[in-house]
């Protein structure tokens, strides 16, 4: 069994409400380490590093995709509406740079920066910096950009970076799985950790936030087409995200007939990965598109998503962000 197939099999058990009994003793050890580490930072035995501007972390308790990046984009938009100048920092999963910290632009190769930071730079046009050391990323961002709010895409467990607010994201369909800590379950921290966050945002249709498909655009030439135009014949659909079924379901709800091609999150594409022996349209997420644009063909299309917030989520988010409006230090 390949590594990706094994990972999918394990996650099916985690999110199918079944623990992996052999791993329960390891989960207990892991939980003790997690608790000790959090206590060390809370009591000052280990010192969290503060930066000179307010910082919000958008993360999750479990492994796998939950919708953090789409919510990050929405938070950037709401922050701007309140007059804030946000910037984003990230770990840069899936990327490998020769030098960190790395400032990310719309044309930065995803192989260096990671797919999600490049997507954020393109979609939001805000300063973005990646570094495995988020403290270094935040300081680099402040040294090179005029921002008054830092948003960390992921990093809820990166306690070395002090934060002013936390937003925990969870996928409504998968929830917290079987509730066990790694490796018996999908959780990096126990659910009791939610008592310390400022907001818990549930990702799902008509929940706190959800995603809607926009018009597709060509990777090779950026022509746009309505999703309706792809009806009538099966199309290939590719998704290299934490939960590919979300993307596929969204396309099928738009009336498309799909040939599904799920791939591992942060997959590094090669041209042959998208060669299916025919000329059917190939539809993919924008996260995949940033890695495929360099060798794009004319029948490859990216489908952007629009993040919709519930009224209650929007109000809570605006109230949280308003705490930082006008703060300069």
Protein backbone atom coordinates (compact mmCIF):
# COMPACT_ATOMS: atom_id res chain seq x y z
CA UNK A 1 0.00 0.00 0.00
CA UNK A 2 1.37 3.43 -0.94
CA UNK A 3 1.90 6.13 1.66
CA UNK A 4 -1.01 8.21 0.41
CA UNK A 5 -3.33 5.17 0.31
CA UNK A 6 -2.33 4.25 3.87
CA UNK A 7 -2.98 7.83 5.00
CA UNK A 8 -6.45 7.77 3.43
CA UNK A 9 -7.22 4.41 5.05
CA UNK A 10 -6.19 5.70 8.48
CA UNK A 11 -8.26 8.86 8.08
CA UNK A 12 -11.30 6.82 7.08
CA UNK A 13 -11.07 5.06 10.43
CA UNK A 14 -10.49 8.28 12.32
CA UNK A 15 -13.45 10.04 10.75
CA UNK A 16 -15.58 6.91 10.66
CA UNK A 17 -15.74 7.17 14.47
CA UNK A 18 -13.45 4.17 14.95
CA UNK A 19 -10.28 4.40 16.97
CA UNK A 20 -7.19 2.40 16.12
CA UNK A 21 -6.97 0.41 19.34
CA UNK A 22 -3.29 -0.45 19.00
CA UNK A 23 -2.49 3.27 19.01
CA UNK A 24 -4.44 4.22 22.14
CA UNK A 25 -1.39 3.90 24.45
CA UNK A 26 0.57 6.13 22.08
CA UNK A 27 -2.30 8.62 22.06
CA UNK A 28 -2.11 8.78 25.86
CA UNK A 29 1.61 9.52 25.71
CA UNK A 30 1.05 12.11 22.99
CA UNK A 31 -1.70 13.74 25.06
CA UNK A 32 0.59 14.01 28.08
CA UNK A 33 3.26 15.70 25.95
CA UNK A 34 0.71 18.12 24.48
CA UNK A 35 -0.61 19.03 27.92
CA UNK A 36 2.88 19.52 29.35
CA UNK A 37 3.90 21.75 26.43
CA UNK A 38 0.80 23.92 26.69
CA UNK A 39 1.26 24.22 30.46
CA UNK A 40 4.89 25.23 29.95
CA UNK A 41 3.86 28.18 27.77
CA UNK A 42 0.89 29.12 29.93
CA UNK A 43 3.01 29.26 33.08
CA UNK A 44 5.99 30.92 31.45
CA UNK A 45 8.43 28.02 31.64
CA UNK A 46 8.71 28.45 27.90
CA UNK A 47 8.33 32.00 26.62
CA UNK A 48 6.05 32.85 23.73
CA UNK A 49 7.45 35.49 21.38
CA UNK A 50 5.38 38.63 20.84
CA UNK A 51 5.49 40.77 17.72
CA UNK A 52 4.71 44.45 17.35
CA UNK A 53 1.25 44.13 15.83
CA UNK A 54 -1.93 42.22 16.76
CA UNK A 55 -1.95 38.65 15.50
CA UNK A 56 -4.83 36.27 14.85
CA UNK A 57 -4.28 32.54 14.33
CA UNK A 58 -6.74 30.60 12.17
CA UNK A 59 -6.18 26.90 12.79
CA UNK A 60 -7.79 23.61 13.70
CA UNK A 61 -7.55 20.81 16.22
CA UNK A 62 -7.50 17.94 13.73
CA UNK A 63 -5.29 16.90 10.87
CA UNK A 64 -6.44 17.34 7.29
CA UNK A 65 -8.34 20.09 5.56
CA UNK A 66 -11.07 22.05 7.30
CA UNK A 67 -11.34 25.22 5.22
CA UNK A 68 -8.74 27.37 6.97
CA UNK A 69 -7.45 29.07 3.83
CA UNK A 70 -10.88 30.11 2.45
CA UNK A 71 -11.73 31.49 5.89
CA UNK A 72 -8.38 33.29 5.99
CA UNK A 73 -9.29 35.01 2.72
CA UNK A 74 -12.66 36.01 4.18
CA UNK A 75 -11.00 37.39 7.33
CA UNK A 76 -8.62 39.44 5.18
CA UNK A 77 -11.62 40.89 3.35
CA UNK A 78 -13.50 41.72 6.56
CA UNK A 79 -10.38 43.28 8.10
CA UNK A 80 -9.98 45.55 5.10
CA UNK A 81 -13.62 46.58 5.34
CA UNK A 82 -12.88 47.80 8.88
CA UNK A 83 -9.93 49.85 7.67
CA UNK A 84 -7.20 47.44 8.75
CA UNK A 85 -4.12 46.62 6.68
CA UNK A 86 -3.68 42.84 7.08
CA UNK A 87 -0.78 40.61 6.13
CA UNK A 88 -0.60 36.82 6.22
CA UNK A 89 2.00 34.38 7.50
CA UNK A 90 2.06 30.61 6.95
CA UNK A 91 4.19 27.53 7.36
CA UNK A 92 4.29 26.93 3.61
CA UNK A 93 3.33 23.25 3.56
CA UNK A 94 4.24 21.57 0.30
CA UNK A 95 6.93 24.13 -0.51
CA UNK A 96 10.65 24.12 -0.01
CA UNK A 97 12.65 27.32 -0.29
CA UNK A 98 16.41 27.69 -0.30
CA UNK A 99 16.02 30.65 2.03
CA UNK A 100 13.56 31.58 4.78
CA UNK A 101 11.71 33.77 5.58
CA UNK A 102 10.27 33.95 2.07
CA UNK A 103 8.10 36.83 0.86
CA UNK A 104 5.42 35.42 -1.43
CA UNK A 105 4.11 37.13 -4.54
CA UNK A 106 1.45 36.05 -7.01
CA UNK A 107 4.15 34.60 -9.28
CA UNK A 108 6.21 32.83 -6.61
CA UNK A 109 6.53 29.13 -7.51
CA UNK A 110 4.30 26.96 -5.34
CA UNK A 111 7.21 24.49 -5.13
CA UNK A 112 9.02 27.13 -3.05
CA UNK A 113 6.24 28.78 -1.08
CA UNK A 114 3.56 26.10 -0.88
CA UNK A 115 0.27 26.17 -2.71
CA UNK A 116 -1.91 27.94 -0.14
CA UNK A 117 0.37 30.99 0.43
CA UNK A 118 0.63 31.54 -3.34
CA UNK A 119 -3.15 31.28 -3.64
CA UNK A 120 -3.59 33.85 -0.85
CA UNK A 121 -1.11 36.22 -2.51
CA UNK A 122 -3.00 35.94 -5.80
CA UNK A 123 -6.52 36.16 -4.48
CA UNK A 124 -6.10 38.69 -1.68
CA UNK A 125 -3.15 40.77 -2.96
CA UNK A 126 -1.80 41.16 0.58
CA UNK A 127 1.76 40.75 1.87
CA UNK A 128 2.42 37.06 2.55
CA UNK A 129 5.47 35.51 4.22
CA UNK A 130 6.21 31.83 4.81
CA UNK A 131 8.64 30.26 7.23
CA UNK A 132 8.52 27.07 9.30
CA UNK A 133 9.35 29.45 12.18
CA UNK A 134 6.19 31.58 12.33
CA UNK A 135 7.87 34.08 14.68
CA UNK A 136 10.52 34.76 12.02
CA UNK A 137 7.77 35.00 9.40
CA UNK A 138 5.84 37.58 11.43
CA UNK A 139 8.92 39.71 12.10
CA UNK A 140 9.95 39.57 8.45
CA UNK A 141 6.45 40.64 7.41
CA UNK A 142 6.50 43.64 9.74
CA UNK A 143 9.97 44.66 8.59
CA UNK A 144 8.97 44.74 4.92
CA UNK A 145 5.29 45.64 4.75
CA UNK A 146 2.98 48.29 6.15
CA UNK A 147 0.52 46.07 8.02
CA UNK A 148 -1.34 46.61 11.27
CA UNK A 149 -2.78 43.12 11.63
CA UNK A 150 -1.13 39.72 11.08
CA UNK A 151 -3.24 36.69 10.20
CA UNK A 152 -1.61 33.28 10.59
CA UNK A 153 -3.04 30.65 8.25
CA UNK A 154 -2.68 27.60 10.51
CA UNK A 155 -0.47 27.40 13.57
CA UNK A 156 -2.94 26.92 16.43
CA UNK A 157 -0.39 24.62 18.10
CA UNK A 158 2.61 26.87 17.33
CA UNK A 159 2.69 28.25 20.87
CA UNK A 160 6.06 29.91 20.50
CA UNK A 161 4.24 32.59 18.51
CA UNK A 162 2.15 34.69 20.89
CA UNK A 163 -1.30 35.57 19.57
CA UNK A 164 -4.02 38.04 20.41
CA UNK A 165 -6.91 35.93 19.14
CA UNK A 166 -7.60 32.42 17.87
CA UNK A 167 -10.18 31.05 15.46
CA UNK A 168 -10.65 27.28 15.33
CA UNK A 169 -12.08 25.83 12.10
CA UNK A 170 -13.85 22.47 11.83
CA UNK A 171 -15.45 20.71 8.89
CA UNK A 172 -19.12 19.99 9.63
CA UNK A 173 -19.10 16.68 7.78
CA UNK A 174 -16.05 15.18 9.48
CA UNK A 175 -16.27 17.02 12.79
CA UNK A 176 -13.67 15.89 15.29
CA UNK A 177 -13.76 12.31 14.12
CA UNK A 178 -13.58 9.67 16.80
CA UNK A 179 -12.42 12.24 19.36
CA UNK A 180 -9.07 10.56 20.01
CA UNK A 181 -5.69 12.25 19.91
CA UNK A 182 -3.03 11.21 17.42
CA UNK A 183 -2.31 8.52 16.38
CA UNK A 184 -5.50 6.78 17.58
CA UNK A 185 -7.55 9.63 16.14
CA UNK A 186 -7.18 12.84 14.16
CA UNK A 187 -6.80 15.38 16.97
CA UNK A 188 -3.62 17.33 17.67
CA UNK A 189 -5.18 18.65 20.89
CA UNK A 190 -8.19 17.56 22.94
CA UNK A 191 -11.56 19.22 22.33
CA UNK A 192 -11.27 20.96 25.70
CA UNK A 193 -8.81 23.27 23.93
CA UNK A 194 -11.82 24.95 22.28
CA UNK A 195 -12.62 26.66 25.58
CA UNK A 196 -9.60 28.90 25.03
CA UNK A 197 -10.29 30.06 21.46
CA UNK A 198 -12.17 33.24 20.57
CA UNK A 199 -14.30 31.67 17.85
CA UNK A 200 -15.09 28.21 16.57
CA UNK A 201 -16.17 28.37 12.92
CA UNK A 202 -17.96 25.37 11.43
CA UNK A 203 -17.44 24.87 7.69
CA UNK A 204 -20.48 23.44 5.95
CA UNK A 205 -23.57 24.35 3.97
CA UNK A 206 -25.53 26.99 5.88
CA UNK A 207 -23.25 26.69 8.90
CA UNK A 208 -20.83 29.44 10.03
CA UNK A 209 -19.30 29.58 6.58
CA UNK A 210 -19.51 27.68 3.34
CA UNK A 211 -18.05 27.76 -0.15
CA UNK A 212 -19.78 28.44 -3.45
CA UNK A 213 -18.28 27.85 -6.88
CA UNK A 214 -17.47 30.81 -9.09
CA UNK A 215 -16.98 30.89 -12.85
CA UNK A 216 -14.16 28.67 -14.10
CA UNK A 217 -11.12 30.21 -15.76
CA UNK A 218 -8.61 28.63 -18.10
CA UNK A 219 -5.14 27.93 -16.76
CA UNK A 220 -3.54 28.57 -20.13
CA UNK A 221 -5.32 31.78 -21.12
CA UNK A 222 -7.67 32.81 -18.27
CA UNK A 223 -10.79 32.61 -20.41
CA UNK A 224 -13.86 32.31 -18.21
CA UNK A 225 -16.77 29.89 -18.50
CA UNK A 226 -19.85 29.37 -16.41
CA UNK A 227 -20.07 25.97 -14.78
CA UNK A 228 -23.34 25.48 -16.68
CA UNK A 229 -21.27 25.34 -19.87
CA UNK A 230 -19.70 22.06 -18.73
CA UNK A 231 -23.00 20.24 -18.38
CA UNK A 232 -24.01 17.49 -20.76
CA UNK A 233 -20.84 15.39 -20.78
CA UNK A 234 -18.56 14.00 -18.11
CA UNK A 235 -15.56 16.10 -17.14
CA UNK A 236 -12.44 15.20 -15.20
CA UNK A 237 -12.29 16.74 -11.73
CA UNK A 238 -9.09 16.91 -9.70
CA UNK A 239 -8.74 17.92 -6.08
CA UNK A 240 -5.55 17.86 -4.05
CA UNK A 241 -7.04 19.29 -0.86
CA UNK A 242 -7.64 17.94 2.61
CA UNK A 243 -11.16 16.76 1.77
CA UNK A 244 -11.47 16.30 -2.04
CA UNK A 245 -15.10 15.21 -1.77
CA UNK A 246 -16.08 18.77 -0.85
CA UNK A 247 -14.91 20.03 -4.24
CA UNK A 248 -16.47 17.15 -6.15
CA UNK A 249 -19.79 17.53 -4.36
CA UNK A 250 -19.85 21.24 -5.12
CA UNK A 251 -19.39 20.56 -8.85
CA UNK A 252 -22.04 17.86 -8.86
CA UNK A 253 -24.46 20.18 -7.09
CA UNK A 254 -23.89 22.57 -9.99
CA UNK A 255 -25.17 19.85 -12.33
CA UNK A 256 -21.86 18.49 -13.64
CA UNK A 257 -21.12 14.83 -14.32
CA UNK A 258 -17.67 14.00 -12.95
CA UNK A 259 -14.85 11.56 -13.35
CA UNK A 260 -13.27 12.02 -9.93
CA UNK A 261 -9.51 12.15 -9.37
CA UNK A 262 -8.68 12.76 -5.70
CA UNK A 263 -4.98 13.29 -4.99
CA UNK A 264 -3.08 13.84 -1.72
CA UNK A 265 -3.13 17.29 -0.16
CA UNK A 266 -0.19 19.48 -1.30
CA UNK A 267 0.59 17.04 -4.14
CA UNK A 268 3.38 18.13 -6.49
CA UNK A 269 1.90 17.72 -9.95
CA UNK A 270 3.64 16.56 -13.09
CA UNK A 271 2.09 16.99 -16.56
CA UNK A 272 1.46 13.26 -16.82
CA UNK A 273 -0.71 13.39 -13.68
CA UNK A 274 -3.34 15.21 -15.73
CA UNK A 275 -3.05 13.15 -18.91
CA UNK A 276 -6.21 11.06 -19.02
CA UNK A 277 -5.96 10.02 -22.65
CA UNK A 278 -8.80 12.24 -23.89
CA UNK A 279 -9.64 15.90 -24.41
CA UNK A 280 -12.42 16.19 -21.85
CA UNK A 281 -12.25 19.37 -19.75
CA UNK A 282 -10.21 19.03 -16.58
CA UNK A 283 -11.56 21.04 -13.66
CA UNK A 284 -9.47 21.62 -10.54
CA UNK A 285 -9.30 23.73 -7.41
CA UNK A 286 -7.38 27.00 -7.44
CA UNK A 287 -5.01 25.44 -4.95
CA UNK A 288 -4.14 22.82 -7.58
CA UNK A 289 -4.08 25.40 -10.35
CA UNK A 290 -1.20 27.38 -8.86
CA UNK A 291 0.94 24.24 -9.21
CA UNK A 292 -0.22 23.32 -12.72
CA UNK A 293 -0.23 26.70 -14.46
CA UNK A 294 3.38 26.39 -15.63
CA UNK A 295 2.51 23.46 -17.92
CA UNK A 296 -1.17 24.19 -18.47
CA UNK A 297 -3.16 23.02 -21.46
CA UNK A 298 -6.13 24.78 -23.01
CA UNK A 299 -8.73 22.35 -21.65
CA UNK A 300 -7.64 22.73 -18.02
CA UNK A 301 -9.83 24.95 -15.87
CA UNK A 302 -9.63 26.27 -12.32
CA UNK A 303 -12.81 26.68 -10.29
CA UNK A 304 -12.50 29.43 -7.67
CA UNK A 305 -14.63 29.35 -4.55
CA UNK A 306 -16.40 32.21 -2.84
CA UNK A 307 -16.54 32.12 0.95
CA UNK A 308 -19.98 32.91 2.35
CA UNK A 309 -20.37 33.82 6.02
CA UNK A 310 -23.51 33.40 8.05
CA UNK A 311 -24.90 36.59 9.58
CA UNK A 312 -23.93 35.47 13.07
CA UNK A 313 -20.40 34.51 11.99
CA UNK A 314 -19.93 37.81 10.16
CA UNK A 315 -21.04 39.79 13.19
CA UNK A 316 -18.82 37.82 15.56
CA UNK A 317 -15.86 38.16 13.21
CA UNK A 318 -16.37 41.91 12.82
CA UNK A 319 -16.60 42.31 16.59
CA UNK A 320 -13.34 40.39 17.00
CA UNK A 321 -11.55 42.41 14.32
CA UNK A 322 -12.88 45.70 15.68
CA UNK A 323 -10.74 45.12 18.77
CA UNK A 324 -7.69 45.69 16.60
CA UNK A 325 -8.89 48.55 14.40
CA UNK A 326 -6.79 51.63 15.08
CA UNK A 327 -4.18 49.72 17.10
CA UNK A 328 -0.65 50.54 15.95
CA UNK A 329 1.32 48.55 18.49
